[in-house]
Amino acid sequence: MSVLSKSVLAVVVCLGLVVLAGCGGGGNGVSGGGTGGDWCPSCPDSWAEREGDPVPLSGYNITYMGSYYDALRDETSFCYLVEGNGEPPGLSHFVVGLPECIVWEDIVAYSPEGNVVFSDPDPTTGVRGLKYDFGLATDGSQMYCFTLDGNYAEGTIVVGVKAGQLAETGEITGPACSGE
């Protein structure tokens, strides 16, 4: 299924939810939330298939799962899957690099909840963006998602991981500013 088809399907599902029960709630400000929560009810279906090739960083594969634009809310969500290869050390934190046009106030939701901050930049990876500052086992996997206020196109961003004493960055698909 193409990205356009997924987006159209997601909008149709969300419109149906609006009619039946409203398309979410509790999305005011940076509130966290879980994938499939009120902030993006149809996102998990749009991220069922991987959109890109994994980027290997410090024993973890980072895969771009896609983006979803909610026209009713004028919000764009992005999602990444981080998977360990089973080799030590464990992941300390994961940082999604964001372009200079995006600031903390533009992030309206993120998942998973927890120790998430906006680093400008993260001192160990040098990446400026959304830092998920909690560990992941060497054989674990975790979906990391966030929603931005507005309609964002896709471009190339930097992601960073810190595992033990290793800090590594790589390029992957993510939000782009107008004109990028």
N, C-alpha and C. Protein backbone atom coordinates (compact mmCIF):
# COMPACT_ATOMS: atom_id res chain seq x y z
N MET A 1 0.85 -1.17 0.00
CA MET A 1 0.00 0.00 0.00
C MET A 1 0.90 1.23 0.00
N SER A 2 0.63 2.18 -0.86
CA SER A 2 1.46 3.38 -0.96
C SER A 2 1.25 4.29 0.24
N VAL A 3 2.20 5.22 0.45
CA VAL A 3 2.11 6.18 1.54
C VAL A 3 0.85 7.03 1.38
N LEU A 4 0.55 7.44 0.11
CA LEU A 4 -0.66 8.23 -0.14
C LEU A 4 -1.90 7.45 0.23
N SER A 5 -1.97 6.17 -0.15
CA SER A 5 -3.12 5.33 0.20
C SER A 5 -3.27 5.19 1.70
N LYS A 6 -2.14 5.01 2.40
CA LYS A 6 -2.17 4.89 3.85
C LYS A 6 -2.70 6.18 4.48
N SER A 7 -2.25 7.31 3.95
CA SER A 7 -2.69 8.60 4.49
C SER A 7 -4.18 8.81 4.26
N VAL A 8 -4.65 8.48 3.07
CA VAL A 8 -6.08 8.63 2.77
C VAL A 8 -6.90 7.71 3.67
N LEU A 9 -6.45 6.46 3.84
CA LEU A 9 -7.15 5.52 4.71
C LEU A 9 -7.17 6.04 6.14
N ALA A 10 -6.06 6.58 6.61
CA ALA A 10 -6.00 7.09 7.98
C ALA A 10 -6.95 8.27 8.17
N VAL A 11 -7.05 9.15 7.17
CA VAL A 11 -7.97 10.29 7.27
C VAL A 11 -9.41 9.80 7.30
N VAL A 12 -9.73 8.81 6.48
CA VAL A 12 -11.10 8.26 6.46
C VAL A 12 -11.43 7.65 7.82
N VAL A 13 -10.50 6.90 8.39
CA VAL A 13 -10.73 6.30 9.70
C VAL A 13 -10.94 7.38 10.74
N CYS A 14 -10.10 8.42 10.69
CA CYS A 14 -10.20 9.50 11.67
C CYS A 14 -11.52 10.25 11.51
N LEU A 15 -11.96 10.47 10.27
CA LEU A 15 -13.25 11.14 10.04
C LEU A 15 -14.38 10.31 10.64
N GLY A 16 -14.29 8.99 10.49
CA GLY A 16 -15.30 8.12 11.09
C GLY A 16 -15.30 8.22 12.60
N LEU A 17 -14.12 8.33 13.18
CA LEU A 17 -14.03 8.48 14.63
C LEU A 17 -14.59 9.82 15.09
N VAL A 18 -14.38 10.86 14.29
CA VAL A 18 -14.94 12.16 14.64
C VAL A 18 -16.45 12.08 14.71
N VAL A 19 -17.05 11.43 13.73
CA VAL A 19 -18.50 11.31 13.70
C VAL A 19 -19.00 10.49 14.88
N LEU A 20 -18.29 9.40 15.20
CA LEU A 20 -18.75 8.51 16.26
C LEU A 20 -18.40 8.98 17.66
N ALA A 21 -17.13 9.43 17.83
CA ALA A 21 -16.71 9.73 19.19
C ALA A 21 -15.72 10.88 19.30
N GLY A 22 -15.41 11.51 18.22
CA GLY A 22 -14.40 12.58 18.25
C GLY A 22 -13.04 11.99 17.97
N CYS A 23 -12.23 12.73 17.27
CA CYS A 23 -10.90 12.24 16.90
C CYS A 23 -9.89 12.62 17.95
N GLY A 24 -10.02 12.00 19.08
CA GLY A 24 -9.03 12.20 20.12
C GLY A 24 -9.40 13.29 21.07
N GLY A 25 -8.55 13.45 21.99
CA GLY A 25 -8.69 14.44 23.04
C GLY A 25 -7.43 14.37 23.85
N GLY A 26 -7.27 15.26 24.75
CA GLY A 26 -6.08 15.23 25.59
C GLY A 26 -4.82 15.51 24.82
N GLY A 27 -4.92 16.13 23.65
CA GLY A 27 -3.73 16.42 22.87
C GLY A 27 -3.28 17.85 23.04
N ASN A 28 -3.65 18.49 24.11
CA ASN A 28 -3.26 19.87 24.31
C ASN A 28 -1.86 19.93 24.90
N GLY A 29 -0.98 20.62 24.22
CA GLY A 29 0.38 20.76 24.72
C GLY A 29 1.16 19.47 24.62
N VAL A 30 2.36 19.48 25.14
CA VAL A 30 3.19 18.29 25.14
C VAL A 30 2.71 17.42 26.29
N SER A 31 2.00 16.37 25.95
CA SER A 31 1.36 15.58 26.98
C SER A 31 1.78 14.13 26.97
N GLY A 32 2.65 13.76 26.09
CA GLY A 32 3.00 12.35 26.00
C GLY A 32 1.87 11.59 25.36
N GLY A 33 1.70 10.38 25.75
CA GLY A 33 0.64 9.56 25.17
C GLY A 33 1.26 8.36 24.50
N GLY A 34 0.44 7.40 24.19
CA GLY A 34 0.96 6.18 23.59
C GLY A 34 0.55 6.05 22.15
N THR A 35 1.31 5.27 21.40
CA THR A 35 0.94 5.00 20.04
C THR A 35 -0.44 4.38 20.04
N GLY A 36 -1.32 4.91 19.24
CA GLY A 36 -2.69 4.44 19.22
C GLY A 36 -3.56 5.14 20.24
N GLY A 37 -2.99 6.06 20.99
CA GLY A 37 -3.76 6.80 21.97
C GLY A 37 -4.63 7.85 21.30
N ASP A 38 -5.19 8.70 22.11
CA ASP A 38 -6.09 9.71 21.60
C ASP A 38 -5.43 10.67 20.61
N TRP A 39 -4.14 10.87 20.71
CA TRP A 39 -3.49 11.87 19.88
C TRP A 39 -3.32 11.43 18.44
N CYS A 40 -3.37 10.16 18.14
CA CYS A 40 -3.23 9.69 16.76
C CYS A 40 -3.89 8.33 16.62
N PRO A 41 -5.22 8.27 16.63
CA PRO A 41 -5.92 6.99 16.71
C PRO A 41 -5.69 6.04 15.55
N SER A 42 -5.38 6.54 14.37
CA SER A 42 -5.20 5.63 13.25
C SER A 42 -3.74 5.45 12.86
N CYS A 43 -2.82 6.01 13.62
CA CYS A 43 -1.40 5.91 13.27
C CYS A 43 -0.86 4.49 13.26
N PRO A 44 -1.19 3.62 14.19
CA PRO A 44 -0.57 2.29 14.14
C PRO A 44 -0.81 1.56 12.83
N ASP A 45 -1.99 1.70 12.22
CA ASP A 45 -2.23 1.06 10.94
C ASP A 45 -1.35 1.64 9.85
N SER A 46 -1.13 2.94 9.90
CA SER A 46 -0.30 3.56 8.87
C SER A 46 1.17 3.20 9.05
N TRP A 47 1.56 2.69 10.23
CA TRP A 47 2.94 2.33 10.48
C TRP A 47 3.12 0.81 10.59
N ALA A 48 2.22 0.05 10.00
CA ALA A 48 2.32 -1.41 10.07
C ALA A 48 3.49 -1.92 9.25
N GLU A 49 3.86 -1.20 8.19
CA GLU A 49 4.98 -1.60 7.35
C GLU A 49 6.08 -0.57 7.45
N ARG A 50 7.30 -1.03 7.40
CA ARG A 50 8.46 -0.13 7.50
C ARG A 50 8.59 0.67 6.21
N GLU A 51 8.89 1.95 6.37
CA GLU A 51 9.02 2.85 5.23
C GLU A 51 10.44 2.92 4.70
N GLY A 52 11.41 2.60 5.51
CA GLY A 52 12.79 2.74 5.07
C GLY A 52 13.66 1.59 5.54
N ASP A 53 14.89 1.60 5.06
CA ASP A 53 15.86 0.60 5.48
C ASP A 53 16.40 0.96 6.85
N PRO A 54 16.73 -0.04 7.67
CA PRO A 54 17.29 0.24 8.99
C PRO A 54 18.64 0.95 8.90
N VAL A 55 18.87 1.85 9.84
CA VAL A 55 20.16 2.52 9.98
C VAL A 55 20.82 1.92 11.21
N PRO A 56 21.93 1.17 11.04
CA PRO A 56 22.59 0.54 12.19
C PRO A 56 23.46 1.54 12.95
N LEU A 57 23.19 1.66 14.26
CA LEU A 57 23.96 2.57 15.12
C LEU A 57 24.24 1.89 16.46
N SER A 58 25.49 1.68 16.79
CA SER A 58 25.93 1.17 18.10
C SER A 58 25.16 -0.06 18.55
N GLY A 59 24.93 -1.02 17.66
CA GLY A 59 24.25 -2.26 18.02
C GLY A 59 22.74 -2.18 17.96
N TYR A 60 22.19 -1.10 17.44
CA TYR A 60 20.74 -0.93 17.32
C TYR A 60 20.39 -0.53 15.89
N ASN A 61 19.29 -1.06 15.39
CA ASN A 61 18.79 -0.67 14.07
C ASN A 61 17.66 0.32 14.25
N ILE A 62 17.77 1.47 13.59
CA ILE A 62 16.76 2.52 13.64
C ILE A 62 16.04 2.49 12.30
N THR A 63 14.71 2.29 12.32
CA THR A 63 13.94 2.22 11.09
C THR A 63 12.85 3.29 11.09
N TYR A 64 12.79 4.04 10.00
CA TYR A 64 11.73 5.03 9.84
C TYR A 64 10.45 4.29 9.48
N MET A 65 9.38 4.53 10.25
CA MET A 65 8.13 3.82 10.04
C MET A 65 7.11 4.65 9.25
N GLY A 66 7.38 5.93 9.04
CA GLY A 66 6.50 6.75 8.23
C GLY A 66 5.98 7.96 8.97
N SER A 67 5.19 8.75 8.24
CA SER A 67 4.56 9.93 8.83
C SER A 67 3.07 9.88 8.53
N TYR A 68 2.33 10.63 9.31
CA TYR A 68 0.88 10.70 9.16
C TYR A 68 0.42 12.13 9.41
N TYR A 69 -0.28 12.71 8.44
CA TYR A 69 -0.80 14.05 8.61
C TYR A 69 -2.29 13.97 8.93
N ASP A 70 -2.68 14.54 10.06
CA ASP A 70 -4.08 14.62 10.47
C ASP A 70 -4.59 16.00 10.08
N ALA A 71 -5.35 16.07 8.98
CA ALA A 71 -5.82 17.35 8.45
C ALA A 71 -6.81 18.03 9.39
N LEU A 72 -7.57 17.25 10.14
CA LEU A 72 -8.54 17.85 11.06
C LEU A 72 -7.85 18.61 12.18
N ARG A 73 -6.74 18.10 12.64
CA ARG A 73 -6.00 18.75 13.73
C ARG A 73 -4.86 19.61 13.23
N ASP A 74 -4.51 19.47 11.95
CA ASP A 74 -3.34 20.12 11.37
C ASP A 74 -2.09 19.75 12.18
N GLU A 75 -1.87 18.43 12.29
CA GLU A 75 -0.73 17.88 13.01
C GLU A 75 -0.10 16.76 12.20
N THR A 76 1.21 16.63 12.29
CA THR A 76 1.94 15.58 11.58
C THR A 76 2.69 14.72 12.59
N SER A 77 2.50 13.41 12.49
CA SER A 77 3.17 12.46 13.38
C SER A 77 4.25 11.70 12.62
N PHE A 78 5.34 11.39 13.31
CA PHE A 78 6.45 10.63 12.76
C PHE A 78 6.77 9.50 13.73
N CYS A 79 7.21 8.35 13.20
CA CYS A 79 7.46 7.20 14.06
C CYS A 79 8.72 6.45 13.63
N TYR A 80 9.46 5.95 14.64
CA TYR A 80 10.71 5.22 14.43
C TYR A 80 10.71 3.96 15.29
N LEU A 81 11.22 2.87 14.73
CA LEU A 81 11.38 1.63 15.48
C LEU A 81 12.86 1.44 15.77
N VAL A 82 13.19 1.24 17.05
CA VAL A 82 14.57 0.99 17.47
C VAL A 82 14.62 -0.46 17.96
N GLU A 83 15.52 -1.25 17.36
CA GLU A 83 15.65 -2.67 17.70
C GLU A 83 17.10 -3.01 18.00
N GLY A 84 17.31 -3.69 19.14
CA GLY A 84 18.66 -4.13 19.50
C GLY A 84 19.03 -5.39 18.76
N ASN A 85 20.35 -5.59 18.53
CA ASN A 85 20.81 -6.80 17.84
C ASN A 85 21.24 -7.89 18.83
N GLY A 86 21.04 -7.64 20.13
CA GLY A 86 21.38 -8.64 21.14
C GLY A 86 22.77 -8.52 21.72
N GLU A 87 23.59 -7.65 21.16
CA GLU A 87 24.97 -7.48 21.62
C GLU A 87 25.05 -6.28 22.57
N PRO A 88 25.77 -6.45 23.71
CA PRO A 88 25.95 -5.32 24.63
C PRO A 88 26.72 -4.19 23.95
N PRO A 89 26.59 -3.00 24.44
CA PRO A 89 25.88 -2.56 25.64
C PRO A 89 24.43 -2.16 25.36
N GLY A 90 23.64 -2.01 26.43
CA GLY A 90 22.26 -1.58 26.30
C GLY A 90 22.16 -0.11 25.94
N LEU A 91 21.04 0.27 25.36
CA LEU A 91 20.81 1.65 24.94
C LEU A 91 20.54 2.54 26.14
N SER A 92 21.23 3.65 26.20
CA SER A 92 21.01 4.64 27.25
C SER A 92 19.93 5.64 26.83
N HIS A 93 20.08 6.19 25.61
CA HIS A 93 19.06 7.10 25.09
C HIS A 93 19.09 7.17 23.57
N PHE A 94 17.97 7.66 23.03
CA PHE A 94 17.75 7.80 21.59
C PHE A 94 17.32 9.24 21.33
N VAL A 95 17.93 9.88 20.32
CA VAL A 95 17.61 11.28 20.01
C VAL A 95 17.18 11.38 18.55
N VAL A 96 16.01 11.97 18.33
CA VAL A 96 15.53 12.24 16.97
C VAL A 96 15.90 13.69 16.66
N GLY A 97 16.77 13.89 15.70
CA GLY A 97 17.19 15.23 15.32
C GLY A 97 16.07 15.97 14.63
N LEU A 98 15.92 17.23 14.99
CA LEU A 98 14.88 18.07 14.39
C LEU A 98 15.51 19.31 13.77
N PRO A 99 14.97 19.76 12.63
CA PRO A 99 15.52 20.96 12.00
C PRO A 99 15.33 22.20 12.88
N GLU A 100 16.11 23.22 12.61
CA GLU A 100 16.10 24.46 13.42
C GLU A 100 14.73 25.12 13.48
N CYS A 101 13.88 24.91 12.48
CA CYS A 101 12.56 25.56 12.47
C CYS A 101 11.61 24.94 13.50
N ILE A 102 11.96 23.78 14.04
CA ILE A 102 11.09 23.10 15.01
C ILE A 102 11.64 23.33 16.41
N VAL A 103 10.77 23.83 17.30
CA VAL A 103 11.13 24.08 18.70
C VAL A 103 10.22 23.24 19.59
N TRP A 104 10.55 23.19 20.88
CA TRP A 104 9.82 22.38 21.86
C TRP A 104 8.31 22.63 21.79
N GLU A 105 7.92 23.89 21.63
CA GLU A 105 6.49 24.23 21.62
C GLU A 105 5.75 23.66 20.41
N ASP A 106 6.47 23.25 19.36
CA ASP A 106 5.84 22.65 18.18
C ASP A 106 5.49 21.18 18.40
N ILE A 107 6.05 20.56 19.43
CA ILE A 107 5.80 19.15 19.71
C ILE A 107 4.56 19.05 20.59
N VAL A 108 3.48 18.50 20.04
CA VAL A 108 2.21 18.45 20.79
C VAL A 108 2.00 17.12 21.51
N ALA A 109 2.75 16.09 21.14
CA ALA A 109 2.62 14.79 21.81
C ALA A 109 3.82 13.92 21.45
N TYR A 110 4.07 12.92 22.29
CA TYR A 110 5.14 11.97 22.02
C TYR A 110 4.83 10.67 22.75
N SER A 111 5.43 9.60 22.25
CA SER A 111 5.33 8.32 22.93
C SER A 111 6.63 7.56 22.69
N PRO A 112 7.06 6.74 23.61
CA PRO A 112 6.41 6.46 24.88
C PRO A 112 6.61 7.62 25.85
N GLU A 113 5.75 7.62 26.86
CA GLU A 113 5.88 8.62 27.91
C GLU A 113 7.13 8.30 28.73
N GLY A 114 7.57 9.25 29.45
CA GLY A 114 8.73 9.01 30.29
C GLY A 114 9.63 10.21 30.31
N ASN A 115 10.88 9.95 30.40
CA ASN A 115 11.88 10.98 30.53
C ASN A 115 12.26 11.51 29.14
N VAL A 116 11.42 12.39 28.59
CA VAL A 116 11.61 12.94 27.26
C VAL A 116 11.85 14.44 27.38
N VAL A 117 12.91 14.92 26.73
CA VAL A 117 13.26 16.33 26.78
C VAL A 117 13.66 16.81 25.39
N PHE A 118 13.70 18.12 25.22
CA PHE A 118 14.21 18.72 24.00
C PHE A 118 15.66 19.13 24.27
N SER A 119 16.60 18.50 23.59
CA SER A 119 18.02 18.79 23.77
C SER A 119 18.49 19.71 22.65
N ASP A 120 19.29 20.72 23.02
CA ASP A 120 19.73 21.68 22.02
C ASP A 120 21.20 22.05 22.22
N PRO A 121 22.11 21.14 21.88
CA PRO A 121 21.98 19.74 21.47
C PRO A 121 22.19 18.79 22.65
N ASP A 122 21.98 17.50 22.39
CA ASP A 122 22.30 16.46 23.36
C ASP A 122 23.82 16.43 23.52
N PRO A 123 24.34 16.50 24.76
CA PRO A 123 25.79 16.59 24.95
C PRO A 123 26.58 15.36 24.48
N THR A 124 25.99 14.18 24.48
CA THR A 124 26.78 13.00 24.10
C THR A 124 26.72 12.67 22.61
N THR A 125 25.61 12.97 21.94
CA THR A 125 25.49 12.66 20.51
C THR A 125 25.68 13.90 19.64
N GLY A 126 25.48 15.08 20.22
CA GLY A 126 25.56 16.31 19.45
C GLY A 126 24.32 16.60 18.63
N VAL A 127 23.27 15.77 18.81
CA VAL A 127 22.05 15.92 18.02
C VAL A 127 21.07 16.85 18.74
N ARG A 128 20.51 17.80 17.99
CA ARG A 128 19.50 18.73 18.50
C ARG A 128 18.13 18.16 18.19
N GLY A 129 17.34 17.91 19.24
CA GLY A 129 16.00 17.40 18.99
C GLY A 129 15.38 16.73 20.19
N LEU A 130 14.50 15.80 19.92
CA LEU A 130 13.71 15.12 20.95
C LEU A 130 14.50 13.93 21.49
N LYS A 131 14.85 14.02 22.78
CA LYS A 131 15.68 13.00 23.43
C LYS A 131 14.81 12.11 24.31
N TYR A 132 14.76 10.82 23.97
CA TYR A 132 14.09 9.80 24.78
C TYR A 132 15.15 9.24 25.70
N ASP A 133 15.15 9.70 26.95
CA ASP A 133 16.23 9.42 27.88
C ASP A 133 15.88 8.28 28.83
N PHE A 134 15.71 7.09 28.27
CA PHE A 134 15.53 5.89 29.08
C PHE A 134 16.06 4.70 28.30
N GLY A 135 16.46 3.69 29.01
CA GLY A 135 17.17 2.57 28.41
C GLY A 135 16.31 1.61 27.61
N LEU A 136 17.04 0.77 26.86
CA LEU A 136 16.42 -0.31 26.09
C LEU A 136 17.39 -1.49 26.11
N ALA A 137 16.87 -2.67 26.41
CA ALA A 137 17.69 -3.88 26.49
C ALA A 137 18.34 -4.17 25.13
N THR A 138 19.43 -4.90 25.16
CA THR A 138 20.17 -5.21 23.94
C THR A 138 19.34 -6.01 22.94
N ASP A 139 18.37 -6.77 23.43
CA ASP A 139 17.51 -7.54 22.53
C ASP A 139 16.09 -6.96 22.47
N GLY A 140 15.93 -5.74 22.95
CA GLY A 140 14.62 -5.10 22.99
C GLY A 140 14.30 -4.33 21.73
N SER A 141 13.03 -3.94 21.64
CA SER A 141 12.60 -3.06 20.56
C SER A 141 11.58 -2.08 21.12
N GLN A 142 11.55 -0.89 20.56
CA GLN A 142 10.65 0.15 21.03
C GLN A 142 10.28 1.07 19.86
N MET A 143 9.00 1.42 19.77
CA MET A 143 8.53 2.40 18.81
C MET A 143 8.56 3.77 19.48
N TYR A 144 9.17 4.74 18.82
CA TYR A 144 9.26 6.11 19.30
C TYR A 144 8.51 7.00 18.31
N CYS A 145 7.51 7.73 18.81
CA CYS A 145 6.68 8.55 17.94
C CYS A 145 6.52 9.95 18.53
N PHE A 146 6.28 10.91 17.68
CA PHE A 146 5.99 12.26 18.14
C PHE A 146 5.10 12.95 17.12
N THR A 147 4.37 13.95 17.59
CA THR A 147 3.45 14.71 16.75
C THR A 147 3.81 16.18 16.82
N LEU A 148 3.86 16.80 15.64
CA LEU A 148 4.17 18.22 15.52
C LEU A 148 2.94 19.00 15.10
N ASP A 149 2.83 20.22 15.60
CA ASP A 149 1.76 21.12 15.21
C ASP A 149 2.04 21.61 13.79
N GLY A 150 1.15 21.31 12.85
CA GLY A 150 1.31 21.75 11.47
C GLY A 150 1.55 20.59 10.51
N ASN A 151 1.66 20.95 9.24
CA ASN A 151 1.86 19.97 8.18
C ASN A 151 3.33 20.00 7.77
N TYR A 152 4.05 18.91 8.01
CA TYR A 152 5.47 18.83 7.69
C TYR A 152 5.73 17.80 6.61
N ALA A 153 6.54 18.18 5.65
CA ALA A 153 6.99 17.26 4.61
C ALA A 153 8.10 16.40 5.18
N GLU A 154 8.52 15.41 4.41
CA GLU A 154 9.62 14.55 4.82
C GLU A 154 10.92 15.07 4.22
N GLY A 155 11.99 14.92 4.98
CA GLY A 155 13.33 15.28 4.54
C GLY A 155 14.32 14.38 5.24
N THR A 156 15.56 14.76 5.27
CA THR A 156 16.60 13.98 5.93
C THR A 156 16.97 14.65 7.24
N ILE A 157 16.98 13.85 8.31
CA ILE A 157 17.37 14.32 9.63
C ILE A 157 18.48 13.42 10.17
N VAL A 158 19.00 13.77 11.32
CA VAL A 158 20.01 12.97 12.00
C VAL A 158 19.38 12.36 13.24
N VAL A 159 19.67 11.09 13.51
CA VAL A 159 19.28 10.44 14.77
C VAL A 159 20.56 10.05 15.49
N GLY A 160 20.47 9.96 16.81
CA GLY A 160 21.63 9.57 17.59
C GLY A 160 21.27 8.57 18.67
N VAL A 161 22.20 7.70 18.99
CA VAL A 161 22.02 6.76 20.09
C VAL A 161 23.25 6.81 20.98
N LYS A 162 23.02 6.51 22.25
CA LYS A 162 24.12 6.31 23.19
C LYS A 162 23.91 4.94 23.82
N ALA A 163 24.89 4.08 23.66
CA ALA A 163 24.85 2.73 24.22
C ALA A 163 26.18 2.50 24.92
N GLY A 164 26.15 2.40 26.25
CA GLY A 164 27.39 2.29 27.01
C GLY A 164 28.23 3.53 26.78
N GLN A 165 29.48 3.36 26.38
CA GLN A 165 30.36 4.49 26.07
C GLN A 165 30.27 4.91 24.60
N LEU A 166 29.47 4.17 23.82
CA LEU A 166 29.35 4.45 22.39
C LEU A 166 28.27 5.49 22.12
N ALA A 167 28.58 6.47 21.33
CA ALA A 167 27.61 7.45 20.85
C ALA A 167 27.79 7.53 19.34
N GLU A 168 26.69 7.35 18.61
CA GLU A 168 26.79 7.31 17.16
C GLU A 168 25.58 7.99 16.55
N THR A 169 25.77 8.60 15.39
CA THR A 169 24.68 9.27 14.68
C THR A 169 24.59 8.75 13.25
N GLY A 170 23.43 8.94 12.66
CA GLY A 170 23.22 8.56 11.27
C GLY A 170 22.06 9.34 10.69
N GLU A 171 21.92 9.30 9.37
CA GLU A 171 20.84 10.02 8.69
C GLU A 171 19.67 9.10 8.40
N ILE A 172 18.47 9.68 8.50
CA ILE A 172 17.23 8.94 8.29
C ILE A 172 16.15 9.95 7.87
N THR A 173 15.02 9.47 7.43
CA THR A 173 13.90 10.34 7.04
C THR A 173 13.22 10.90 8.28
N GLY A 174 12.80 12.16 8.18
CA GLY A 174 12.10 12.81 9.29
C GLY A 174 11.47 14.11 8.80
N PRO A 175 11.03 14.95 9.73
CA PRO A 175 10.35 16.18 9.35
C PRO A 175 11.31 17.20 8.71
N ALA A 176 10.79 17.91 7.73
CA ALA A 176 11.56 18.96 7.06
C ALA A 176 10.81 20.28 7.16
N CYS A 177 11.56 21.35 7.17
CA CYS A 177 10.97 22.68 7.18
C CYS A 177 10.61 23.09 5.76
N SER A 178 9.77 24.05 5.61
CA SER A 178 9.41 24.56 4.29
C SER A 178 10.67 24.99 3.56
N GLY A 179 10.74 24.60 2.31
CA GLY A 179 11.88 24.99 1.49
C GLY A 179 13.08 24.09 1.61
N GLU A 180 13.02 23.02 2.42
CA GLU A 180 14.17 22.10 2.55
C GLU A 180 14.04 20.98 1.55
